[in-house]
Protein backbone atom coordinates (compact mmCIF):
# COMPACT_ATOMS: atom_id res chain seq x y z
CA MET A 1 126.44 67.74 128.85
CA LYS A 2 126.26 67.78 125.07
CA TYR A 3 124.00 70.35 123.41
CA THR A 4 121.65 67.71 121.98
CA SER A 5 121.26 66.07 125.40
CA LEU A 6 120.47 69.42 127.02
CA LEU A 7 118.00 70.18 124.23
CA PHE A 8 116.34 66.81 124.80
CA VAL A 9 115.89 67.49 128.54
CA VAL A 10 114.47 70.96 127.91
CA ILE A 11 112.08 69.76 125.19
CA CYS A 12 110.75 66.91 127.30
CA ALA A 13 110.25 69.19 130.33
CA VAL A 14 108.40 71.81 128.30
CA SER A 15 106.33 69.13 126.55
CA LEU A 16 105.20 67.69 129.87
CA ALA A 17 104.18 71.15 131.07
CA HIS A 18 102.00 71.64 128.00
CA GLY A 19 100.49 68.16 128.02
CA ASN A 20 102.36 67.12 124.85
CA GLN A 21 104.44 64.45 126.51
CA VAL A 22 106.94 62.45 124.47
CA SER A 23 106.24 58.73 124.84
CA GLU A 24 108.88 56.78 126.73
CA SER A 25 109.46 54.50 123.75
CA GLN A 26 109.98 57.53 121.49
CA LYS A 27 112.35 59.70 123.53
CA HIS A 28 115.51 58.59 121.74
CA TYR A 29 114.06 59.96 118.48
CA VAL A 30 114.07 63.48 119.96
CA ARG A 31 117.84 63.16 120.26
CA LYS A 32 118.22 61.40 116.90
CA TYR A 33 116.42 64.13 114.96
CA ALA A 34 117.58 67.11 117.02
CA LYS A 35 119.33 68.71 114.03
CA GLN A 36 116.26 68.59 111.77
CA VAL A 37 115.21 72.16 112.43
CA LYS A 38 111.95 72.23 110.44
CA LYS A 39 110.14 69.71 112.63
CA VAL A 40 107.51 70.94 115.04
CA SER A 41 108.71 70.64 118.61
CA PRO A 42 106.74 68.40 120.97
CA ASP A 43 105.44 71.32 123.03
CA ALA A 44 104.24 73.18 119.93
CA ALA A 45 102.64 70.23 118.13
CA LEU A 46 98.96 70.58 117.36
CA ILE A 47 97.04 67.37 118.04
CA ASN A 48 94.57 65.98 115.53
CA THR A 49 91.37 65.17 117.42
CA GLU A 50 88.98 65.42 114.47
CA PRO A 51 87.16 62.42 112.98
CA GLU A 52 88.27 61.29 109.55
CA PRO A 53 86.37 63.16 106.81
CA ASN A 54 83.40 61.39 105.26
CA LEU A 55 84.91 59.62 102.25
CA GLU A 56 81.48 58.80 100.81
CA GLN A 57 80.54 62.44 100.25
CA VAL A 58 79.91 63.83 96.79
CA GLY A 59 82.82 65.28 94.90
CA PHE A 60 85.55 62.65 95.09
CA VAL A 61 87.33 61.86 91.83
CA ASP A 62 89.24 58.64 91.09
CA LEU A 63 92.87 59.35 90.22
CA TYR A 64 93.42 55.85 88.82
CA ASN A 65 91.22 54.65 85.96
CA GLY A 66 91.71 50.93 86.62
CA GLN A 67 93.29 50.31 83.21
CA ASN A 68 96.49 52.29 82.70
CA LEU A 69 98.59 55.07 84.18
CA ASP A 70 97.14 57.90 82.12
CA GLY A 71 97.43 61.10 84.15
CA TRP A 72 100.49 59.84 86.02
CA THR A 73 104.23 60.07 85.34
CA PRO A 74 107.05 58.34 87.26
CA LEU A 75 109.71 60.83 88.36
CA GLY A 76 113.04 60.72 90.17
CA GLY A 77 114.08 57.11 89.51
CA HIS A 78 113.21 53.91 87.67
CA CYS A 79 111.39 51.79 90.23
CA SER A 80 108.42 50.26 88.45
CA PHE A 81 104.71 51.02 88.65
CA GLU A 82 102.25 48.63 87.04
CA PRO A 83 98.47 48.93 86.69
CA ARG A 84 96.87 45.65 87.65
CA GLY A 85 93.10 45.50 88.03
CA ASP A 86 91.95 47.81 90.79
CA SER A 87 95.51 48.46 92.02
CA ILE A 88 98.74 50.14 91.04
CA ILE A 89 101.73 48.04 92.12
CA GLY A 90 105.00 49.81 92.91
CA THR A 91 108.14 47.68 93.02
CA SER A 92 111.69 48.54 94.07
CA VAL A 93 114.34 48.14 91.38
CA PRO A 94 117.94 47.51 92.51
CA GLY A 95 120.10 50.58 92.06
CA SER A 96 117.22 52.98 91.49
CA PRO A 97 116.74 56.16 93.50
CA SER A 98 113.39 56.69 95.16
CA THR A 99 110.71 56.93 92.50
CA TYR A 100 107.50 58.95 92.61
CA LEU A 101 104.52 58.11 90.44
CA SER A 102 103.18 61.65 90.15
CA THR A 103 99.95 63.20 88.96
CA ASP A 104 100.34 65.27 85.83
CA LYS A 105 98.03 67.82 87.43
CA ASP A 106 100.34 69.90 89.59
CA ASP A 107 98.19 72.62 91.13
CA TYR A 108 96.22 70.90 93.87
CA THR A 109 95.67 73.36 96.70
CA ASP A 110 92.94 72.47 99.23
CA PHE A 111 91.67 68.91 99.18
CA ILE A 112 90.78 65.65 100.88
CA PHE A 113 92.91 62.82 99.49
CA THR A 114 92.54 59.14 100.33
CA ALA A 115 94.17 55.89 99.22
CA GLU A 116 94.66 52.35 100.46
CA LEU A 117 98.08 50.67 100.64
CA LYS A 118 99.09 47.06 101.16
CA TRP A 119 102.62 45.72 101.41
CA GLU A 120 103.26 42.55 99.43
CA VAL A 121 106.97 42.87 100.29
CA ASN A 122 107.77 45.26 103.12
CA GLY A 123 109.32 48.57 102.08
CA ASN A 124 109.19 52.26 102.79
CA SER A 125 106.58 54.32 100.96
CA GLY A 126 104.49 57.44 101.31
CA ILE A 127 102.15 59.90 99.66
CA MET A 128 103.65 63.16 98.47
CA PHE A 129 101.17 66.06 98.47
CA ARG A 130 101.53 69.67 97.36
CA ALA A 131 104.81 68.33 95.96
CA GLN A 132 107.25 70.22 93.74
CA LYS A 133 110.08 69.26 91.39
CA LYS A 134 113.39 70.83 90.40
CA PRO A 135 116.09 69.74 87.95
CA ASN A 136 119.22 67.92 89.04
CA LYS A 137 122.12 66.43 87.10
CA ASN A 138 120.33 63.11 86.71
CA GLY A 139 116.82 64.39 86.00
CA VAL A 140 114.55 65.85 88.66
CA THR A 141 114.37 66.02 92.43
CA ILE A 142 110.93 65.65 93.99
CA TYR A 143 110.56 67.65 97.17
CA GLY A 144 107.93 68.77 99.63
CA PRO A 145 105.65 67.23 102.24
CA GLN A 146 105.04 63.51 102.33
CA CYS A 147 102.60 61.56 104.44
CA GLU A 148 104.87 58.76 105.61
CA MET A 149 103.87 55.12 105.11
CA GLU A 150 106.97 53.53 106.52
CA GLY A 151 106.24 49.84 106.20
CA THR A 152 105.05 47.04 108.41
CA ASP A 153 107.86 46.53 110.93
CA MET A 154 106.15 49.05 113.26
CA VAL A 155 109.41 49.83 115.12
CA ARG A 156 108.94 53.60 115.02
CA GLY A 157 105.28 53.69 114.07
CA TRP A 158 105.27 57.02 112.22
CA SER A 159 102.98 56.13 109.32
CA GLY A 160 100.73 59.18 109.03
CA GLY A 161 103.47 61.54 110.14
CA ILE A 162 104.67 64.24 107.74
CA TYR A 163 108.18 64.11 106.33
CA GLY A 164 109.89 66.85 104.34
CA GLN A 165 111.18 64.87 101.36
CA SER A 166 114.38 66.57 100.14
CA ALA A 167 113.12 69.50 102.23
CA GLY A 168 114.87 69.22 105.58
CA GLY A 169 113.63 65.98 107.12
CA TRP A 170 110.77 65.51 109.52
CA PHE A 171 108.05 68.18 109.74
CA TYR A 172 105.60 66.39 112.05
CA PRO A 173 106.83 63.25 113.88
CA LEU A 174 104.41 60.97 115.74
CA TRP A 175 106.33 60.70 119.02
CA LEU A 176 103.86 61.96 121.60
CA ASP A 177 101.60 60.03 123.95
CA ALA A 178 98.74 61.57 121.96
CA HIS A 179 99.99 59.70 118.87
CA GLU A 180 100.10 56.24 120.44
CA GLN A 181 96.92 54.99 118.80
CA ALA A 182 98.09 56.22 115.39
CA ARG A 183 101.47 54.53 115.88
CA ASN A 184 99.66 51.22 116.26
CA ALA A 185 97.09 51.69 113.49
CA ILE A 186 98.89 49.87 110.65
CA LYS A 187 97.64 46.37 109.79
CA PRO A 188 100.72 44.51 108.47
CA ASP A 189 98.93 41.94 106.29
CA ASP A 190 95.94 43.96 105.15
CA TRP A 191 94.96 47.14 103.35
CA ASN A 192 95.67 50.39 105.19
CA ARG A 193 93.78 53.59 104.45
CA VAL A 194 95.59 56.93 104.53
CA THR A 195 93.62 60.17 104.39
CA ILE A 196 95.10 63.66 104.02
CA GLN A 197 93.13 66.89 104.40
CA ALA A 198 94.78 70.16 103.41
CA ILE A 199 92.90 73.41 103.98
CA GLY A 200 94.89 76.62 103.77
CA ASN A 201 98.04 76.20 105.83
CA ASN A 202 96.63 73.33 107.92
CA VAL A 203 97.16 69.67 107.08
CA LYS A 204 95.67 66.73 108.97
CA THR A 205 96.16 63.02 108.39
CA TRP A 206 94.42 59.78 109.42
CA ILE A 207 95.55 56.14 109.31
CA ASN A 208 92.72 53.62 109.11
CA GLY A 209 90.46 56.32 110.51
CA ILE A 210 92.78 57.12 113.46
CA PRO A 211 93.84 60.79 113.73
CA ALA A 212 97.58 61.22 113.20
CA ALA A 213 99.20 64.56 112.20
CA ASN A 214 97.99 68.14 112.61
CA TRP A 215 100.57 70.36 110.91
CA GLU A 216 100.64 74.01 109.90
CA ASP A 217 102.73 75.13 106.93
CA ASP A 218 103.05 78.15 104.66
CA GLU A 219 105.90 76.86 102.47
CA PHE A 220 103.97 74.48 100.22
CA PRO A 221 100.58 75.94 99.22
CA LYS A 222 100.02 73.77 96.12
CA GLY A 223 101.50 71.00 94.01
CA PHE A 224 101.01 67.43 92.83
CA PHE A 225 100.49 64.03 94.43
CA SER A 226 103.00 61.19 94.20
CA LEU A 227 103.02 57.54 95.22
CA GLN A 228 106.51 56.75 96.50
CA VAL A 229 108.64 53.64 96.25
CA HIS A 230 111.73 54.23 98.36
CA TYR A 231 115.29 53.89 97.09
CA ALA A 232 116.15 50.27 96.42
CA ASP A 233 118.80 49.24 98.89
CA LYS A 234 115.76 47.46 100.34
CA GLU A 235 113.14 45.25 98.78
CA GLY A 236 109.65 46.56 98.50
CA LYS A 237 106.41 45.88 96.66
CA ILE A 238 103.43 48.05 97.52
CA HIS A 239 99.87 47.95 96.18
CA PHE A 240 97.87 51.19 95.95
CA ARG A 241 94.12 51.30 95.36
CA ASN A 242 91.05 53.52 95.87
CA ILE A 243 93.16 56.60 95.10
CA LYS A 244 90.76 59.53 95.24
CA VAL A 245 90.71 63.25 95.82
CA LYS A 246 88.07 65.85 96.48
CA GLU A 247 89.22 69.38 95.73
CA LEU A 248 87.94 72.04 98.12
CA ASP A 249 87.38 75.72 97.61
CA PRO A 250 90.57 77.41 98.84
CA ARG A 251 90.19 79.08 102.21
CA PRO A 252 90.90 82.84 102.05
CA HIS A 253 94.22 83.75 103.63
């Protein structure tokens, strides 16, 4: 038996014993991502059971002014971002690497972030948070945690999961029975709300109010936000609106 197959059997057995059972439709992803060592294993995954934070509470700040992209800078590629009324529209450009429209403020620590996304043309996207950048031969590499917004085909259903962009692959996949409702939360032809709460080393996410990820991390304590348009071997046009953040007092470590 190959190592990855043995690992798959062991992981699934341990997960069942701990109540973190991998869904039948998701089991092949355990094998597929076996070599991504930074991901939380099914048996160790914390489950988000908290209600979505109150997004009407005092303290939220709009990150988009409704007129232009002041306070934002595109990094990593040349996909386009256009302010249009109450939305920012990100569009894939053929030949471009993934592009990240990033906040100029780069020291967000503890926060509640929320935004709404709608796909005009299906394509992979996501929200980088506590993100970092480093130089490469063509400019900069954006790396760190990303709340996945994978599109509308719903095959895998991991929107709301946490991916390590240029940082080792998946951190928190949505492959458990406990994630089934989150895997089915995306509305293909409508706006979809993503909410991210980061307090200390704990990060939780919600998709349209449905709890998704519950991830613990000490590698990325602060950084910037980015709206992603994925590399353009695929089409994609994504609208972003109601982009807001409430900064929280950092929790003592």
